[in-house]
Amino acid sequence: MNKNDEIKIEKDFKDIYQFEELKVLVKGFFLFDNDIKKLYDKIRSLHKDVYLVIVNANIVFGLDHIFGIMKIISEEIKREDKKDIKNFDIEFLLRICYTDQISYAFQMVNDNKDNNNFICIIFSKCLTSIENAYIDLKNYGKGDYVDTLVQVSKAKRFYILKLFFDKNLKDLDDLHLLKDDCEFQKFLIERSAIALK
């Protein structure tokens, strides 16, 4: 490995976070092919000890949105009546798409035909497993080294509202959550919490 390889690997893995016993890699990603279900199945078959979520970058409203959903799932797992959560990644996908239908959730992430910008979230207890999964994932695209895809934006806010909540929210102009990023993240996390009830 030469000096440039070392720098590239360091850049690739600077977005690792700790969440309880899990290590979590969050990367913006430009995929060459946006058949997410096929890619998900391929990476999961190679790396059985990682959880993987790949979603349209426009539906992720910052890191707090991601970790808020992870916290909800973690709290559900700790409850006696919710020990049946087997796939953390599928549970996450359902909650970020505000549905209880797996086919609908995959449809939502695959309906990104005009845009190959995605957020890839890989979690595992083992850092090496995350690194290996990400190296394989890079065969299907390239990372966003400036992290623009994870950031919050007004365009994302309106995209999320139109895609998921347009039928339920009638008077959008009067809503405080449209003007405040923290309030909007809180709204999204609360909606994620009730998505599977």
C-alpha atoms as a PDB file:
ATOM      1  CA  MET A   1       0.000   0.000   0.000  1.00  0.00           C
ATOM      2  CA  ASN A   2       1.431   3.367  -0.955  1.00  0.00           C
ATOM      3  CA  LYS A   3       1.015   6.707   0.818  1.00  0.00           C
ATOM      4  CA  ASN A   4      -1.962   7.765  -1.383  1.00  0.00           C
ATOM      5  CA  ASP A   5      -3.845   4.552  -0.513  1.00  0.00           C
ATOM      6  CA  GLU A   6      -3.387   5.281   3.195  1.00  0.00           C
ATOM      7  CA  ILE A   7      -4.829   8.782   2.794  1.00  0.00           C
ATOM      8  CA  LYS A   8      -7.800   7.464   0.771  1.00  0.00           C
ATOM      9  CA  ILE A   9      -8.650   4.802   3.345  1.00  0.00           C
ATOM     10  CA  GLU A  10      -8.451   7.378   6.131  1.00  0.00           C
ATOM     11  CA  LYS A  11     -10.879   9.625   4.210  1.00  0.00           C
ATOM     12  CA  ASP A  12     -13.237   6.713   3.579  1.00  0.00           C
ATOM     13  CA  PHE A  13     -13.527   5.857   7.261  1.00  0.00           C
ATOM     14  CA  LYS A  14     -13.617   9.285   8.901  1.00  0.00           C
ATOM     15  CA  ASP A  15     -17.422   9.079   9.016  1.00  0.00           C
ATOM     16  CA  ILE A  16     -17.571   6.263  11.589  1.00  0.00           C
ATOM     17  CA  TYR A  17     -19.677   6.907  14.665  1.00  0.00           C
ATOM     18  CA  GLN A  18     -20.380   4.911  17.791  1.00  0.00           C
ATOM     19  CA  PHE A  19     -23.992   4.087  18.645  1.00  0.00           C
ATOM     20  CA  GLU A  20     -24.312   1.907  21.730  1.00  0.00           C
ATOM     21  CA  GLU A  21     -22.420  -1.300  20.849  1.00  0.00           C
ATOM     22  CA  LEU A  22     -22.584  -0.589  17.092  1.00  0.00           C
ATOM     23  CA  LYS A  23     -20.084   1.225  14.960  1.00  0.00           C
ATOM     24  CA  VAL A  24     -21.816   3.132  12.165  1.00  0.00           C
ATOM     25  CA  LEU A  25     -20.422   4.365   8.857  1.00  0.00           C
ATOM     26  CA  VAL A  26     -22.521   7.085   7.169  1.00  0.00           C
ATOM     27  CA  LYS A  27     -21.442   8.027   3.657  1.00  0.00           C
ATOM     28  CA  GLY A  28     -22.934   9.989   0.848  1.00  0.00           C
ATOM     29  CA  PHE A  29     -22.522   7.837  -2.235  1.00  0.00           C
ATOM     30  CA  PHE A  30     -22.905   8.188  -6.001  1.00  0.00           C
ATOM     31  CA  LEU A  31     -24.021   4.787  -7.305  1.00  0.00           C
ATOM     32  CA  PHE A  32     -23.456   3.639 -10.876  1.00  0.00           C
ATOM     33  CA  ASP A  33     -26.637   1.522 -10.843  1.00  0.00           C
ATOM     34  CA  ASN A  34     -29.572   2.447  -8.659  1.00  0.00           C
ATOM     35  CA  ASP A  35     -31.122  -1.027  -8.323  1.00  0.00           C
ATOM     36  CA  ILE A  36     -30.883  -0.829  -4.550  1.00  0.00           C
ATOM     37  CA  LYS A  37     -32.546  -4.153  -3.775  1.00  0.00           C
ATOM     38  CA  LYS A  38     -30.027  -6.032  -5.946  1.00  0.00           C
ATOM     39  CA  LEU A  39     -27.096  -4.146  -4.431  1.00  0.00           C
ATOM     40  CA  TYR A  40     -28.413  -4.666  -0.892  1.00  0.00           C
ATOM     41  CA  ASP A  41     -28.771  -8.421  -1.470  1.00  0.00           C
ATOM     42  CA  LYS A  42     -25.267  -8.650  -2.959  1.00  0.00           C
ATOM     43  CA  ILE A  43     -23.487  -6.809  -0.122  1.00  0.00           C
ATOM     44  CA  ARG A  44     -25.492  -8.597   2.598  1.00  0.00           C
ATOM     45  CA  SER A  45     -24.698 -12.013   1.076  1.00  0.00           C
ATOM     46  CA  LEU A  46     -20.982 -11.188   1.203  1.00  0.00           C
ATOM     47  CA  HIS A  47     -21.027  -9.526   4.644  1.00  0.00           C
ATOM     48  CA  LYS A  48     -23.494 -11.276   6.924  1.00  0.00           C
ATOM     49  CA  ASP A  49     -22.258  -9.550  10.079  1.00  0.00           C
ATOM     50  CA  VAL A  50     -23.116  -6.015   8.915  1.00  0.00           C
ATOM     51  CA  TYR A  51     -26.400  -4.184   8.586  1.00  0.00           C
ATOM     52  CA  LEU A  52     -26.754  -2.055   5.476  1.00  0.00           C
ATOM     53  CA  VAL A  53     -29.178   0.700   4.534  1.00  0.00           C
ATOM     54  CA  ILE A  54     -29.007   2.508   1.194  1.00  0.00           C
ATOM     55  CA  VAL A  55     -31.506   5.312   0.702  1.00  0.00           C
ATOM     56  CA  ASN A  56     -32.107   8.220  -1.608  1.00  0.00           C
ATOM     57  CA  ALA A  57     -29.990  11.085  -0.248  1.00  0.00           C
ATOM     58  CA  ASN A  58     -32.998  13.411  -0.484  1.00  0.00           C
ATOM     59  CA  ILE A  59     -34.885  11.582   2.287  1.00  0.00           C
ATOM     60  CA  VAL A  60     -32.084  11.836   4.861  1.00  0.00           C
ATOM     61  CA  PHE A  61     -32.299  15.099   6.765  1.00  0.00           C
ATOM     62  CA  GLY A  62     -28.888  15.135   8.440  1.00  0.00           C
ATOM     63  CA  LEU A  63     -27.055  12.878  10.876  1.00  0.00           C
ATOM     64  CA  ASP A  64     -29.474  13.594  13.725  1.00  0.00           C
ATOM     65  CA  HIS A  65     -32.279  12.151  11.586  1.00  0.00           C
ATOM     66  CA  ILE A  66     -30.293   8.911  11.141  1.00  0.00           C
ATOM     67  CA  PHE A  67     -29.334   8.554  14.788  1.00  0.00           C
ATOM     68  CA  GLY A  68     -32.817   9.518  15.968  1.00  0.00           C
ATOM     69  CA  ILE A  69     -34.263   6.577  14.038  1.00  0.00           C
ATOM     70  CA  MET A  70     -31.533   4.266  15.347  1.00  0.00           C
ATOM     71  CA  LYS A  71     -32.403   5.321  18.897  1.00  0.00           C
ATOM     72  CA  ILE A  72     -36.086   4.510  18.324  1.00  0.00           C
ATOM     73  CA  ILE A  73     -35.211   1.028  17.055  1.00  0.00           C
ATOM     74  CA  SER A  74     -32.825   0.441  19.949  1.00  0.00           C
ATOM     75  CA  GLU A  75     -35.512   1.416  22.468  1.00  0.00           C
ATOM     76  CA  GLU A  76     -38.008  -0.896  20.741  1.00  0.00           C
ATOM     77  CA  ILE A  77     -35.536  -3.801  20.955  1.00  0.00           C
ATOM     78  CA  LYS A  78     -35.042  -3.209  24.691  1.00  0.00           C
ATOM     79  CA  ARG A  79     -38.776  -3.447  25.393  1.00  0.00           C
ATOM     80  CA  GLU A  80     -40.063  -6.885  26.339  1.00  0.00           C
ATOM     81  CA  ASP A  81     -42.822  -6.890  23.717  1.00  0.00           C
ATOM     82  CA  LYS A  82     -40.557  -5.938  20.797  1.00  0.00           C
ATOM     83  CA  LYS A  83     -37.839  -8.615  20.886  1.00  0.00           C
ATOM     84  CA  ASP A  84     -38.962  -9.760  17.426  1.00  0.00           C
ATOM     85  CA  ILE A  85     -36.864  -7.139  15.572  1.00  0.00           C
ATOM     86  CA  LYS A  86     -34.398  -9.350  13.707  1.00  0.00           C
ATOM     87  CA  ASN A  87     -33.104  -7.051  10.976  1.00  0.00           C
ATOM     88  CA  PHE A  88     -31.996  -3.667  12.255  1.00  0.00           C
ATOM     89  CA  ASP A  89     -31.398  -2.510   8.675  1.00  0.00           C
ATOM     90  CA  ILE A  90     -34.871  -3.434   7.408  1.00  0.00           C
ATOM     91  CA  GLU A  91     -36.442  -1.844  10.478  1.00  0.00           C
ATOM     92  CA  PHE A  92     -34.445   1.325   9.764  1.00  0.00           C
ATOM     93  CA  LEU A  93     -35.508   1.331   6.104  1.00  0.00           C
ATOM     94  CA  LEU A  94     -39.175   0.961   7.035  1.00  0.00           C
ATOM     95  CA  ARG A  95     -38.976   3.809   9.527  1.00  0.00           C
ATOM     96  CA  ILE A  96     -37.138   6.251   7.259  1.00  0.00           C
ATOM     97  CA  CYS A  97     -39.755   5.529   4.576  1.00  0.00           C
ATOM     98  CA  TYR A  98     -42.628   5.818   7.126  1.00  0.00           C
ATOM     99  CA  THR A  99     -44.199   2.498   6.145  1.00  0.00           C
ATOM    100  CA  ASP A 100     -44.684  -1.057   7.381  1.00  0.00           C
ATOM    101  CA  GLN A 101     -44.383  -2.528   3.864  1.00  0.00           C
ATOM    102  CA  ILE A 102     -40.907  -3.707   2.807  1.00  0.00           C
ATOM    103  CA  SER A 103     -41.811  -3.677  -0.900  1.00  0.00           C
ATOM    104  CA  TYR A 104     -43.010  -0.056  -0.618  1.00  0.00           C
ATOM    105  CA  ALA A 105     -39.802   0.956   1.189  1.00  0.00           C
ATOM    106  CA  PHE A 106     -37.614  -0.574  -1.540  1.00  0.00           C
ATOM    107  CA  GLN A 107     -39.807   1.106  -4.147  1.00  0.00           C
ATOM    108  CA  MET A 108     -39.231   4.457  -2.427  1.00  0.00           C
ATOM    109  CA  VAL A 109     -35.453   4.056  -2.525  1.00  0.00           C
ATOM    110  CA  ASN A 110     -35.494   2.697  -6.088  1.00  0.00           C
ATOM    111  CA  ASP A 111     -37.678   5.563  -7.382  1.00  0.00           C
ATOM    112  CA  ASN A 112     -34.579   7.712  -7.633  1.00  0.00           C
ATOM    113  CA  LYS A 113     -34.226   7.181 -11.394  1.00  0.00           C
ATOM    114  CA  ASP A 114     -33.024  10.696 -12.237  1.00  0.00           C
ATOM    115  CA  ASN A 115     -30.517  10.817  -9.435  1.00  0.00           C
ATOM    116  CA  ASN A 116     -27.862   8.347  -8.284  1.00  0.00           C
ATOM    117  CA  ASN A 117     -27.170  10.176  -5.012  1.00  0.00           C
ATOM    118  CA  PHE A 118     -27.620   7.922  -2.023  1.00  0.00           C
ATOM    119  CA  ILE A 119     -26.758   7.690   1.640  1.00  0.00           C
ATOM    120  CA  CYS A 120     -25.179   4.395   2.638  1.00  0.00           C
ATOM    121  CA  ILE A 121     -25.308   3.435   6.300  1.00  0.00           C
ATOM    122  CA  ILE A 122     -23.334   0.389   7.397  1.00  0.00           C
ATOM    123  CA  PHE A 123     -23.472  -0.757  11.018  1.00  0.00           C
ATOM    124  CA  SER A 124     -21.809  -3.596  12.846  1.00  0.00           C
ATOM    125  CA  LYS A 125     -20.129  -4.355  16.151  1.00  0.00           C
ATOM    126  CA  CYS A 126     -16.913  -4.982  14.195  1.00  0.00           C
ATOM    127  CA  LEU A 127     -15.090  -2.080  12.543  1.00  0.00           C
ATOM    128  CA  THR A 128     -13.220  -4.423  10.183  1.00  0.00           C
ATOM    129  CA  SER A 129     -16.529  -5.810   8.906  1.00  0.00           C
ATOM    130  CA  ILE A 130     -17.726  -2.278   8.125  1.00  0.00           C
ATOM    131  CA  GLU A 131     -14.487  -1.479   6.321  1.00  0.00           C
ATOM    132  CA  ASN A 132     -14.672  -4.660   4.221  1.00  0.00           C
ATOM    133  CA  ALA A 133     -18.331  -4.077   3.310  1.00  0.00           C
ATOM    134  CA  TYR A 134     -17.575  -0.490   2.302  1.00  0.00           C
ATOM    135  CA  ILE A 135     -14.631  -1.572   0.141  1.00  0.00           C
ATOM    136  CA  ASP A 136     -16.970  -3.959  -1.727  1.00  0.00           C
ATOM    137  CA  LEU A 137     -19.680  -1.302  -1.935  1.00  0.00           C
ATOM    138  CA  LYS A 138     -17.201   1.039  -3.638  1.00  0.00           C
ATOM    139  CA  ASN A 139     -17.180  -1.325  -6.634  1.00  0.00           C
ATOM    140  CA  TYR A 140     -20.694  -0.031  -7.351  1.00  0.00           C
ATOM    141  CA  GLY A 141     -20.063   3.708  -7.009  1.00  0.00           C
ATOM    142  CA  LYS A 142     -17.936   6.367  -5.365  1.00  0.00           C
ATOM    143  CA  GLY A 143     -18.038   8.158  -2.034  1.00  0.00           C
ATOM    144  CA  ASP A 144     -18.948  11.792  -1.469  1.00  0.00           C
ATOM    145  CA  TYR A 145     -15.825  13.030   0.276  1.00  0.00           C
ATOM    146  CA  VAL A 146     -17.217  16.476   1.084  1.00  0.00           C
ATOM    147  CA  ASP A 147     -20.351  15.070   2.749  1.00  0.00           C
ATOM    148  CA  THR A 148     -22.797  17.261   0.842  1.00  0.00           C
ATOM    149  CA  LEU A 149     -25.339  14.460   0.485  1.00  0.00           C
ATOM    150  CA  VAL A 150     -25.893  14.016   4.236  1.00  0.00           C
ATOM    151  CA  GLN A 151     -26.459  17.696   4.980  1.00  0.00           C
ATOM    152  CA  VAL A 152     -29.861  19.274   5.613  1.00  0.00           C
ATOM    153  CA  SER A 153     -31.350  21.620   3.042  1.00  0.00           C
ATOM    154  CA  LYS A 154     -34.556  23.420   2.217  1.00  0.00           C
ATOM    155  CA  ALA A 155     -34.842  21.369  -0.990  1.00  0.00           C
ATOM    156  CA  LYS A 156     -34.670  18.122   1.023  1.00  0.00           C
ATOM    157  CA  ARG A 157     -37.313  19.381   3.423  1.00  0.00           C
ATOM    158  CA  PHE A 158     -39.789  20.009   0.607  1.00  0.00           C
ATOM    159  CA  TYR A 159     -38.866  16.752  -1.147  1.00  0.00           C
ATOM    160  CA  ILE A 160     -39.598  14.728   2.020  1.00  0.00           C
ATOM    161  CA  LEU A 161     -42.869  16.552   2.660  1.00  0.00           C
ATOM    162  CA  LYS A 162     -44.055  16.059  -0.904  1.00  0.00           C
ATOM    163  CA  LEU A 163     -43.002  12.398  -1.083  1.00  0.00           C
ATOM    164  CA  PHE A 164     -44.266  11.165   2.282  1.00  0.00           C
ATOM    165  CA  PHE A 165     -46.597  13.681   3.919  1.00  0.00           C
ATOM    166  CA  ASP A 166     -48.336  15.732   1.232  1.00  0.00           C
ATOM    167  CA  LYS A 167     -51.657  13.959   1.801  1.00  0.00           C
ATOM    168  CA  ASN A 168     -51.574  14.526   5.565  1.00  0.00           C
ATOM    169  CA  LEU A 169     -50.321  18.113   5.769  1.00  0.00           C
ATOM    170  CA  LYS A 170     -52.749  20.582   4.251  1.00  0.00           C
ATOM    171  CA  ASP A 171     -51.577  24.005   5.374  1.00  0.00           C
ATOM    172  CA  LEU A 172     -47.812  23.763   4.877  1.00  0.00           C
ATOM    173  CA  ASP A 173     -47.154  27.508   4.811  1.00  0.00           C
ATOM    174  CA  ASP A 174     -48.255  27.927   8.422  1.00  0.00           C
ATOM    175  CA  LEU A 175     -46.089  25.153   9.844  1.00  0.00           C
ATOM    176  CA  HIS A 176     -43.168  26.239  12.013  1.00  0.00           C
ATOM    177  CA  LEU A 177     -41.326  23.028  11.141  1.00  0.00           C
ATOM    178  CA  LEU A 178     -40.865  24.291   7.581  1.00  0.00           C
ATOM    179  CA  LYS A 179     -38.647  27.093   8.778  1.00  0.00           C
ATOM    180  CA  ASP A 180     -36.605  25.371  11.487  1.00  0.00           C
ATOM    181  CA  ASP A 181     -34.235  22.468  10.704  1.00  0.00           C
ATOM    182  CA  CYS A 182     -34.253  21.129  14.279  1.00  0.00           C
ATOM    183  CA  GLU A 183     -38.054  21.171  14.446  1.00  0.00           C
ATOM    184  CA  PHE A 184     -38.257  19.390  11.110  1.00  0.00           C
ATOM    185  CA  GLN A 185     -35.799  16.693  12.229  1.00  0.00           C
ATOM    186  CA  LYS A 186     -37.820  16.251  15.405  1.00  0.00           C
ATOM    187  CA  PHE A 187     -41.006  15.916  13.326  1.00  0.00           C
ATOM    188  CA  LEU A 188     -39.389  13.265  11.082  1.00  0.00           C
ATOM    189  CA  ILE A 189     -38.084  11.270  14.050  1.00  0.00           C
ATOM    190  CA  GLU A 190     -41.496  11.382  15.746  1.00  0.00           C
ATOM    191  CA  ARG A 191     -43.153  10.164  12.555  1.00  0.00           C
ATOM    192  CA  SER A 192     -40.573   7.362  12.325  1.00  0.00           C
ATOM    193  CA  ALA A 193     -41.460   6.305  15.853  1.00  0.00           C
ATOM    194  CA  ILE A 194     -45.118   5.754  14.941  1.00  0.00           C
ATOM    195  CA  ALA A 195     -44.541   4.434  11.414  1.00  0.00           C
ATOM    196  CA  LEU A 196     -44.809   0.765  12.428  1.00  0.00           C
ATOM    197  CA  LYS A 197     -47.497   1.031  15.114  1.00  0.00           C
END
